[in-house]
Amino acid sequence: MLINSENGVIELESFTTRLYKGMSLDQLEQSDFYKEKYHSIQDVKTGYFWYYFKSIEIQGYQVSFSLCFFGDQLDIIQMNTWENGDAKDWNEWTEEKEMKVFHRNNTFLSQILDRLPTQKQKKPYPSRTFIFPWGNVWSVYDPRSAGSFMGINFNEEENK
């Protein structure tokens, strides 16, 4: 299982790595996942740093992770599926292609969570949300950024 439905922890078994809100940057940097798949970092100049990783295969999908740290603690977890036919730049991008990514992300989440979304919305943007006692797992197509993303939100009281 990738996302533990009891607590929202992401288990990357092939890298013996667990990703969770509040994880320290030191813990991430010592993980096999970081050592093998780290790609780049972006300092957004607000105390937040985004760490980007090369994709890994999960249940037949190529999945990439973007991890946002505030200071030295993991704060935001985002993911995305990828296939060869996806747009590689603006010249290849179409809304139709991006909606395929959105639908593929939804299928991926339903498979790894072994359930259907709790909420489906069309407005203001197409989204799917899987609600749990500790927070939620979401997928959205955002036309403002012309992208589809997935992620995990944790309830504030779950902070460690």
N, C-alpha and C. Protein backbone atom coordinates (compact mmCIF):
# COMPACT_ATOMS: atom_id res chain seq x y z
N MET A 1 0.85 -1.18 0.00
CA MET A 1 0.00 0.00 0.00
C MET A 1 0.90 1.24 0.00
N LEU A 2 0.56 2.21 -0.81
CA LEU A 2 1.35 3.43 -0.89
C LEU A 2 0.98 4.42 0.21
N ILE A 3 -0.31 4.72 0.35
CA ILE A 3 -0.76 5.67 1.37
C ILE A 3 -1.50 4.91 2.45
N ASN A 4 -0.99 4.98 3.67
CA ASN A 4 -1.61 4.31 4.80
C ASN A 4 -2.92 5.02 5.15
N SER A 5 -4.04 4.32 5.03
CA SER A 5 -5.34 4.95 5.26
C SER A 5 -5.58 5.27 6.73
N GLU A 6 -4.76 4.74 7.63
CA GLU A 6 -4.91 5.02 9.06
C GLU A 6 -4.29 6.35 9.47
N ASN A 7 -3.21 6.79 8.73
CA ASN A 7 -2.50 7.99 9.17
C ASN A 7 -1.96 8.88 8.05
N GLY A 8 -2.11 8.46 6.79
CA GLY A 8 -1.66 9.28 5.67
C GLY A 8 -0.18 9.17 5.35
N VAL A 9 0.53 8.29 6.04
CA VAL A 9 1.95 8.11 5.76
C VAL A 9 2.12 7.42 4.41
N ILE A 10 3.04 7.94 3.59
CA ILE A 10 3.35 7.31 2.31
C ILE A 10 4.48 6.32 2.54
N GLU A 11 4.24 5.07 2.16
CA GLU A 11 5.22 4.01 2.33
C GLU A 11 5.82 3.67 0.97
N LEU A 12 7.07 4.04 0.79
CA LEU A 12 7.79 3.70 -0.45
C LEU A 12 8.63 2.46 -0.14
N GLU A 13 7.98 1.30 -0.21
CA GLU A 13 8.59 0.05 0.26
C GLU A 13 9.88 -0.29 -0.46
N SER A 14 9.95 -0.06 -1.77
CA SER A 14 11.17 -0.43 -2.50
C SER A 14 12.36 0.44 -2.11
N PHE A 15 12.11 1.54 -1.40
CA PHE A 15 13.20 2.40 -0.93
C PHE A 15 13.28 2.41 0.60
N THR A 16 12.50 1.55 1.26
CA THR A 16 12.39 1.53 2.72
C THR A 16 12.31 2.95 3.27
N THR A 17 11.40 3.74 2.68
CA THR A 17 11.24 5.14 3.06
C THR A 17 9.79 5.43 3.38
N ARG A 18 9.58 6.21 4.44
CA ARG A 18 8.25 6.67 4.82
C ARG A 18 8.25 8.19 4.73
N LEU A 19 7.24 8.75 4.04
CA LEU A 19 7.09 10.20 3.92
C LEU A 19 5.87 10.61 4.73
N TYR A 20 6.02 11.64 5.58
CA TYR A 20 4.92 12.07 6.43
C TYR A 20 5.13 13.51 6.86
N LYS A 21 4.02 14.20 7.14
CA LYS A 21 4.08 15.58 7.58
C LYS A 21 4.90 15.66 8.85
N GLY A 22 5.84 16.61 8.88
CA GLY A 22 6.69 16.78 10.04
C GLY A 22 8.01 16.03 9.94
N MET A 23 8.16 15.19 8.91
CA MET A 23 9.42 14.48 8.69
C MET A 23 10.55 15.51 8.60
N SER A 24 11.70 15.20 9.18
CA SER A 24 12.81 16.15 9.12
C SER A 24 13.55 16.01 7.79
N LEU A 25 14.18 17.10 7.37
CA LEU A 25 14.97 17.09 6.15
C LEU A 25 16.13 16.10 6.27
N ASP A 26 16.71 16.01 7.45
CA ASP A 26 17.79 15.04 7.68
C ASP A 26 17.31 13.61 7.41
N GLN A 27 16.12 13.28 7.90
CA GLN A 27 15.58 11.94 7.68
C GLN A 27 15.39 11.67 6.19
N LEU A 28 14.88 12.67 5.47
CA LEU A 28 14.69 12.50 4.03
C LEU A 28 16.03 12.30 3.34
N GLU A 29 17.01 13.16 3.66
CA GLU A 29 18.31 13.10 2.98
C GLU A 29 19.05 11.79 3.23
N GLN A 30 18.75 11.12 4.33
CA GLN A 30 19.39 9.84 4.65
C GLN A 30 18.66 8.66 4.01
N SER A 31 17.49 8.91 3.40
CA SER A 31 16.70 7.81 2.85
C SER A 31 17.23 7.36 1.50
N ASP A 32 16.97 6.09 1.18
CA ASP A 32 17.33 5.54 -0.13
C ASP A 32 16.56 6.27 -1.24
N PHE A 33 15.33 6.66 -0.96
CA PHE A 33 14.53 7.38 -1.95
C PHE A 33 15.25 8.67 -2.35
N TYR A 34 15.69 9.45 -1.38
CA TYR A 34 16.40 10.70 -1.66
C TYR A 34 17.70 10.42 -2.42
N LYS A 35 18.46 9.45 -1.93
CA LYS A 35 19.76 9.15 -2.54
C LYS A 35 19.64 8.70 -3.98
N GLU A 36 18.56 7.99 -4.32
CA GLU A 36 18.41 7.44 -5.67
C GLU A 36 17.57 8.30 -6.60
N LYS A 37 16.64 9.10 -6.06
CA LYS A 37 15.67 9.76 -6.93
C LYS A 37 15.64 11.29 -6.84
N TYR A 38 16.46 11.89 -5.97
CA TYR A 38 16.48 13.36 -5.86
C TYR A 38 16.81 13.96 -7.22
N HIS A 39 16.07 15.00 -7.60
CA HIS A 39 16.28 15.66 -8.90
C HIS A 39 16.73 17.11 -8.73
N SER A 40 15.96 17.92 -7.99
CA SER A 40 16.31 19.33 -7.85
C SER A 40 15.58 19.95 -6.66
N ILE A 41 15.96 21.18 -6.36
CA ILE A 41 15.35 21.93 -5.26
C ILE A 41 15.01 23.32 -5.76
N GLN A 42 13.92 23.88 -5.21
CA GLN A 42 13.55 25.26 -5.52
C GLN A 42 13.30 26.00 -4.20
N ASP A 43 14.04 27.07 -3.99
CA ASP A 43 13.84 27.94 -2.83
C ASP A 43 12.86 29.01 -3.26
N VAL A 44 11.66 29.02 -2.67
CA VAL A 44 10.66 30.00 -3.08
C VAL A 44 10.76 31.29 -2.26
N LYS A 45 11.82 31.42 -1.48
CA LYS A 45 12.18 32.66 -0.76
C LYS A 45 11.16 33.08 0.29
N THR A 46 10.42 32.11 0.83
CA THR A 46 9.44 32.41 1.88
C THR A 46 9.65 31.50 3.09
N GLY A 47 10.77 30.78 3.10
CA GLY A 47 10.99 29.77 4.12
C GLY A 47 10.62 28.38 3.65
N TYR A 48 9.96 28.31 2.48
CA TYR A 48 9.57 27.04 1.89
C TYR A 48 10.57 26.63 0.82
N PHE A 49 10.88 25.32 0.80
CA PHE A 49 11.77 24.73 -0.21
C PHE A 49 11.06 23.53 -0.81
N TRP A 50 10.98 23.49 -2.15
CA TRP A 50 10.39 22.35 -2.84
C TRP A 50 11.50 21.43 -3.32
N TYR A 51 11.38 20.15 -2.98
CA TYR A 51 12.31 19.11 -3.43
C TYR A 51 11.57 18.27 -4.47
N TYR A 52 12.19 18.12 -5.64
CA TYR A 52 11.58 17.38 -6.73
C TYR A 52 12.34 16.08 -6.95
N PHE A 53 11.60 15.02 -7.29
CA PHE A 53 12.19 13.69 -7.43
C PHE A 53 11.83 13.08 -8.77
N LYS A 54 12.75 12.28 -9.29
CA LYS A 54 12.51 11.52 -10.52
C LYS A 54 11.40 10.51 -10.25
N SER A 55 10.68 10.15 -11.30
CA SER A 55 9.53 9.26 -11.12
C SER A 55 9.96 7.85 -10.74
N ILE A 56 9.05 7.19 -10.04
CA ILE A 56 9.22 5.79 -9.66
C ILE A 56 7.99 5.03 -10.12
N GLU A 57 8.12 3.73 -10.30
CA GLU A 57 6.96 2.94 -10.71
C GLU A 57 6.20 2.46 -9.48
N ILE A 58 4.89 2.72 -9.50
CA ILE A 58 4.00 2.27 -8.43
C ILE A 58 2.78 1.66 -9.10
N GLN A 59 2.59 0.37 -8.93
CA GLN A 59 1.44 -0.37 -9.49
C GLN A 59 1.23 -0.06 -10.97
N GLY A 60 2.31 -0.04 -11.73
CA GLY A 60 2.23 0.16 -13.17
C GLY A 60 2.18 1.61 -13.62
N TYR A 61 2.20 2.55 -12.69
CA TYR A 61 2.19 3.98 -13.01
C TYR A 61 3.57 4.57 -12.73
N GLN A 62 3.97 5.55 -13.55
CA GLN A 62 5.15 6.35 -13.25
C GLN A 62 4.67 7.52 -12.40
N VAL A 63 5.18 7.64 -11.17
CA VAL A 63 4.71 8.65 -10.23
C VAL A 63 5.89 9.48 -9.76
N SER A 64 5.74 10.80 -9.84
CA SER A 64 6.78 11.69 -9.32
C SER A 64 6.27 12.38 -8.07
N PHE A 65 7.18 12.72 -7.19
CA PHE A 65 6.86 13.39 -5.93
C PHE A 65 7.50 14.76 -5.87
N SER A 66 6.76 15.70 -5.29
CA SER A 66 7.26 17.03 -4.97
C SER A 66 7.00 17.21 -3.48
N LEU A 67 8.07 17.44 -2.72
CA LEU A 67 7.94 17.56 -1.27
C LEU A 67 8.33 18.97 -0.86
N CYS A 68 7.44 19.62 -0.12
CA CYS A 68 7.69 21.00 0.30
C CYS A 68 8.03 21.02 1.79
N PHE A 69 9.20 21.57 2.06
CA PHE A 69 9.65 21.71 3.44
C PHE A 69 9.53 23.16 3.87
N PHE A 70 9.07 23.37 5.09
CA PHE A 70 9.12 24.69 5.71
C PHE A 70 10.19 24.57 6.77
N GLY A 71 11.29 25.30 6.57
CA GLY A 71 12.44 25.08 7.43
C GLY A 71 12.95 23.68 7.18
N ASP A 72 13.03 22.87 8.22
CA ASP A 72 13.53 21.50 8.02
C ASP A 72 12.47 20.45 8.26
N GLN A 73 11.18 20.83 8.12
CA GLN A 73 10.10 19.86 8.30
C GLN A 73 9.21 19.76 7.07
N LEU A 74 8.88 18.52 6.69
CA LEU A 74 8.01 18.28 5.55
C LEU A 74 6.62 18.82 5.86
N ASP A 75 6.13 19.68 4.96
CA ASP A 75 4.85 20.34 5.18
C ASP A 75 3.80 19.94 4.14
N ILE A 76 4.22 19.78 2.87
CA ILE A 76 3.27 19.52 1.79
C ILE A 76 3.81 18.36 0.94
N ILE A 77 2.93 17.43 0.60
CA ILE A 77 3.29 16.30 -0.27
C ILE A 77 2.40 16.39 -1.51
N GLN A 78 3.04 16.48 -2.68
CA GLN A 78 2.30 16.43 -3.94
C GLN A 78 2.88 15.32 -4.80
N MET A 79 2.03 14.79 -5.70
CA MET A 79 2.42 13.69 -6.58
C MET A 79 1.82 13.94 -7.95
N ASN A 80 2.31 13.20 -8.94
CA ASN A 80 1.71 13.25 -10.26
C ASN A 80 2.09 11.99 -11.02
N THR A 81 1.16 11.51 -11.85
CA THR A 81 1.48 10.39 -12.73
C THR A 81 2.02 10.95 -14.03
N TRP A 82 2.74 10.12 -14.77
CA TRP A 82 3.35 10.57 -16.01
C TRP A 82 3.38 9.42 -17.01
N GLU A 83 3.13 9.75 -18.28
CA GLU A 83 3.26 8.79 -19.38
C GLU A 83 3.97 9.47 -20.54
N ASN A 84 4.51 8.67 -21.45
CA ASN A 84 5.24 9.21 -22.60
C ASN A 84 4.42 10.17 -23.44
N GLY A 85 3.12 9.97 -23.55
CA GLY A 85 2.29 10.83 -24.39
C GLY A 85 1.94 12.18 -23.78
N ASP A 86 2.31 12.41 -22.52
CA ASP A 86 2.01 13.68 -21.87
C ASP A 86 2.81 14.81 -22.50
N ALA A 87 2.28 16.01 -22.42
CA ALA A 87 2.97 17.18 -22.96
C ALA A 87 4.29 17.40 -22.23
N LYS A 88 5.35 17.62 -22.99
CA LYS A 88 6.66 17.87 -22.40
C LYS A 88 6.97 19.36 -22.32
N ASP A 89 6.22 20.17 -23.10
CA ASP A 89 6.40 21.62 -23.06
C ASP A 89 5.10 22.27 -23.55
N TRP A 90 5.09 23.60 -23.59
CA TRP A 90 3.87 24.32 -23.96
C TRP A 90 3.43 24.02 -25.39
N ASN A 91 4.38 23.74 -26.28
CA ASN A 91 4.03 23.46 -27.68
C ASN A 91 3.20 22.19 -27.81
N GLU A 92 3.38 21.24 -26.88
CA GLU A 92 2.64 19.97 -26.91
C GLU A 92 1.39 19.99 -26.05
N TRP A 93 1.27 21.01 -25.18
CA TRP A 93 0.18 21.03 -24.20
C TRP A 93 -1.16 21.32 -24.84
N THR A 94 -2.18 20.56 -24.43
CA THR A 94 -3.57 20.89 -24.74
C THR A 94 -4.38 20.57 -23.48
N GLU A 95 -5.52 21.23 -23.33
CA GLU A 95 -6.36 20.94 -22.18
C GLU A 95 -6.83 19.49 -22.21
N GLU A 96 -7.08 18.98 -23.39
CA GLU A 96 -7.51 17.58 -23.53
C GLU A 96 -6.45 16.63 -22.96
N LYS A 97 -5.17 16.87 -23.30
CA LYS A 97 -4.09 16.04 -22.76
C LYS A 97 -4.01 16.16 -21.25
N GLU A 98 -4.18 17.39 -20.74
CA GLU A 98 -4.08 17.59 -19.29
C GLU A 98 -5.24 16.94 -18.56
N MET A 99 -6.42 16.92 -19.16
CA MET A 99 -7.56 16.24 -18.54
C MET A 99 -7.32 14.73 -18.48
N LYS A 100 -6.59 14.20 -19.46
CA LYS A 100 -6.23 12.78 -19.40
C LYS A 100 -5.34 12.51 -18.19
N VAL A 101 -4.43 13.44 -17.89
CA VAL A 101 -3.58 13.31 -16.70
C VAL A 101 -4.46 13.34 -15.45
N PHE A 102 -5.41 14.28 -15.40
CA PHE A 102 -6.32 14.38 -14.25
C PHE A 102 -7.08 13.06 -14.05
N HIS A 103 -7.64 12.51 -15.11
CA HIS A 103 -8.39 11.25 -14.99
C HIS A 103 -7.47 10.09 -14.60
N ARG A 104 -6.26 10.07 -15.15
CA ARG A 104 -5.29 9.02 -14.79
C ARG A 104 -4.91 9.15 -13.31
N ASN A 105 -4.70 10.37 -12.83
CA ASN A 105 -4.39 10.58 -11.41
C ASN A 105 -5.53 10.06 -10.54
N ASN A 106 -6.78 10.33 -10.94
CA ASN A 106 -7.94 9.86 -10.17
C ASN A 106 -7.99 8.34 -10.11
N THR A 107 -7.75 7.70 -11.25
CA THR A 107 -7.76 6.24 -11.31
C THR A 107 -6.65 5.68 -10.42
N PHE A 108 -5.47 6.28 -10.50
CA PHE A 108 -4.35 5.86 -9.66
C PHE A 108 -4.72 5.94 -8.18
N LEU A 109 -5.27 7.07 -7.75
CA LEU A 109 -5.63 7.23 -6.34
C LEU A 109 -6.68 6.22 -5.92
N SER A 110 -7.71 6.01 -6.74
CA SER A 110 -8.75 5.03 -6.39
C SER A 110 -8.14 3.64 -6.23
N GLN A 111 -7.16 3.30 -7.09
CA GLN A 111 -6.53 1.99 -6.99
C GLN A 111 -5.68 1.86 -5.74
N ILE A 112 -4.83 2.85 -5.46
CA ILE A 112 -3.94 2.70 -4.31
C ILE A 112 -4.66 2.86 -2.98
N LEU A 113 -5.78 3.60 -2.98
CA LEU A 113 -6.55 3.77 -1.74
C LEU A 113 -7.64 2.72 -1.62
N ASP A 114 -7.88 1.97 -2.70
CA ASP A 114 -8.89 0.91 -2.75
C ASP A 114 -10.28 1.43 -2.37
N ARG A 115 -10.62 2.61 -2.92
CA ARG A 115 -11.93 3.19 -2.69
C ARG A 115 -12.19 4.29 -3.71
N LEU A 116 -13.45 4.68 -3.81
CA LEU A 116 -13.84 5.77 -4.70
C LEU A 116 -13.74 7.09 -3.94
N PRO A 117 -13.65 8.22 -4.66
CA PRO A 117 -13.56 9.51 -3.97
C PRO A 117 -14.79 9.78 -3.11
N THR A 118 -14.57 10.47 -2.00
CA THR A 118 -15.65 10.87 -1.11
C THR A 118 -16.41 12.04 -1.73
N GLN A 119 -15.68 12.95 -2.37
CA GLN A 119 -16.29 14.13 -2.99
C GLN A 119 -15.79 14.28 -4.42
N LYS A 120 -16.70 14.72 -5.31
CA LYS A 120 -16.34 15.05 -6.69
C LYS A 120 -16.87 16.44 -6.95
N GLN A 121 -16.03 17.31 -7.51
CA GLN A 121 -16.46 18.66 -7.84
C GLN A 121 -16.10 18.97 -9.28
N LYS A 122 -16.93 19.79 -9.90
CA LYS A 122 -16.62 20.30 -11.24
C LYS A 122 -16.23 21.77 -11.17
N LYS A 123 -16.72 22.48 -10.13
CA LYS A 123 -16.44 23.91 -10.00
C LYS A 123 -15.88 24.19 -8.62
N PRO A 124 -14.97 25.15 -8.43
CA PRO A 124 -14.44 25.99 -9.50
C PRO A 124 -13.52 25.23 -10.47
N TYR A 125 -12.96 24.10 -10.03
CA TYR A 125 -12.09 23.29 -10.89
C TYR A 125 -12.41 21.83 -10.68
N PRO A 126 -12.21 21.00 -11.70
CA PRO A 126 -12.45 19.56 -11.51
C PRO A 126 -11.54 19.01 -10.41
N SER A 127 -12.13 18.33 -9.45
CA SER A 127 -11.34 17.76 -8.36
C SER A 127 -12.02 16.52 -7.80
N ARG A 128 -11.20 15.69 -7.15
CA ARG A 128 -11.67 14.51 -6.44
C ARG A 128 -10.98 14.52 -5.08
N THR A 129 -11.75 14.20 -4.03
CA THR A 129 -11.20 14.21 -2.68
C THR A 129 -11.58 12.92 -1.97
N PHE A 130 -10.61 12.32 -1.33
CA PHE A 130 -10.79 11.12 -0.51
C PHE A 130 -10.59 11.56 0.94
N ILE A 131 -11.65 11.55 1.73
CA ILE A 131 -11.59 12.08 3.09
C ILE A 131 -11.32 10.97 4.11
N PHE A 132 -10.40 11.26 5.02
CA PHE A 132 -10.02 10.35 6.10
C PHE A 132 -10.06 11.12 7.42
N PRO A 133 -10.09 10.44 8.57
CA PRO A 133 -10.10 11.14 9.85
C PRO A 133 -8.87 12.05 10.06
N TRP A 134 -7.74 11.70 9.50
CA TRP A 134 -6.50 12.47 9.68
C TRP A 134 -6.31 13.59 8.66
N GLY A 135 -7.13 13.63 7.59
CA GLY A 135 -6.99 14.63 6.53
C GLY A 135 -7.60 14.11 5.24
N ASN A 136 -7.02 14.49 4.09
CA ASN A 136 -7.56 13.99 2.84
C ASN A 136 -6.48 13.86 1.77
N VAL A 137 -6.83 13.06 0.78
CA VAL A 137 -5.99 12.87 -0.41
C VAL A 137 -6.80 13.48 -1.55
N TRP A 138 -6.16 14.28 -2.38
CA TRP A 138 -6.90 15.01 -3.40
C TRP A 138 -6.22 14.95 -4.76
N SER A 139 -7.04 15.23 -5.78
CA SER A 139 -6.59 15.34 -7.15
C SER A 139 -7.34 16.51 -7.76
N VAL A 140 -6.64 17.34 -8.53
CA VAL A 140 -7.28 18.51 -9.12
C VAL A 140 -6.68 18.82 -10.49
N TYR A 141 -7.51 19.36 -11.37
CA TYR A 141 -7.03 19.98 -12.60
C TYR A 141 -7.21 21.48 -12.38
N ASP A 142 -6.13 22.23 -12.45
CA ASP A 142 -6.17 23.67 -12.22
C ASP A 142 -5.86 24.40 -13.53
N PRO A 143 -6.88 24.97 -14.19
CA PRO A 143 -6.63 25.64 -15.46
C PRO A 143 -5.74 26.88 -15.32
N ARG A 144 -5.66 27.47 -14.13
CA ARG A 144 -4.79 28.65 -13.94
C ARG A 144 -3.33 28.28 -14.13
N SER A 145 -2.95 27.09 -13.67
CA SER A 145 -1.56 26.65 -13.82
C SER A 145 -1.42 25.66 -14.98
N ALA A 146 -2.53 25.33 -15.62
CA ALA A 146 -2.56 24.38 -16.74
C ALA A 146 -1.98 23.04 -16.33
N GLY A 147 -2.27 22.63 -15.08
CA GLY A 147 -1.71 21.39 -14.59
C GLY A 147 -2.67 20.57 -13.76
N SER A 148 -2.36 19.29 -13.67
CA SER A 148 -3.10 18.36 -12.82
C SER A 148 -2.15 17.87 -11.75
N PHE A 149 -2.64 17.81 -10.52
CA PHE A 149 -1.80 17.44 -9.39
C PHE A 149 -2.59 16.57 -8.42
N MET A 150 -1.85 15.85 -7.58
CA MET A 150 -2.44 15.08 -6.48
C MET A 150 -1.65 15.44 -5.23
N GLY A 151 -2.28 15.28 -4.09
CA GLY A 151 -1.54 15.56 -2.87
C GLY A 151 -2.27 15.07 -1.64
N ILE A 152 -1.66 15.38 -0.50
CA ILE A 152 -2.21 14.99 0.78
C ILE A 152 -2.29 16.23 1.66
N ASN A 153 -3.46 16.45 2.26
CA ASN A 153 -3.63 17.52 3.26
C ASN A 153 -3.86 16.84 4.60
N PHE A 154 -3.18 17.33 5.62
CA PHE A 154 -3.35 16.78 6.96
C PHE A 154 -4.12 17.77 7.80
N ASN A 155 -5.02 17.26 8.67
CA ASN A 155 -5.72 18.11 9.60
C ASN A 155 -4.69 18.77 10.50
N GLU A 156 -4.92 20.01 10.88
CA GLU A 156 -3.96 20.75 11.70
C GLU A 156 -3.69 20.05 13.04
N GLU A 157 -4.72 19.45 13.65
CA GLU A 157 -4.50 18.77 14.93
C GLU A 157 -3.63 17.54 14.81
N GLU A 158 -3.36 17.11 13.56
CA GLU A 158 -2.50 15.94 13.36
C GLU A 158 -1.02 16.32 13.38
N ASN A 159 -0.72 17.63 13.41
CA ASN A 159 0.69 18.03 13.43
C ASN A 159 1.39 17.47 14.64
N LYS A 160 2.63 17.05 14.43
CA LYS A 160 3.38 16.47 15.55
C LYS A 160 4.29 17.50 16.16
